[in-house]
Amino acid sequence: MRVFTKSGLQIAHNFERIVHGGRGDYIEISAKQIIQTSIYVPEHAEWRFEIEWDEDGKNGKRKWDCYYLEFRSNDISNIMIYLQRRLVGYADYKIHYFYVDPSDVVLKE
């Protein structure tokens, strides 16, 4: 089942499951299923990808204090697609999987 934005951009070749959680339903997509060229990191979310360095300039680490990394679709829909980075108590989200609101997309065979 392919995943498209409502304006017709394919963002995934398939998906894993629908997750029902405390903040609604979300479609779960693996890294192999997402189409990387169909998504981008919006400027306001770039901080989530920054690397934090020790005082001596060594031992860089990503700022994993955030729960997800934000992406947007590369079309007029500009829907939010996020990559889960931490476990949460309100839904069975998996780390390293992408999630999108089902009301933002169209599923096609």
Foldseek 3Di string as FASTA:
>chain_A
DWKAFPVGHTFFPDFDDWKQWPVGIKTKHAPVTGDVVQKDADPVQCLQQDWDADPVRDDTDGPLPDQWRWIFTPDPLRFIKIAGRDDDDTIPDDHRIIIGDPVRIDDDD
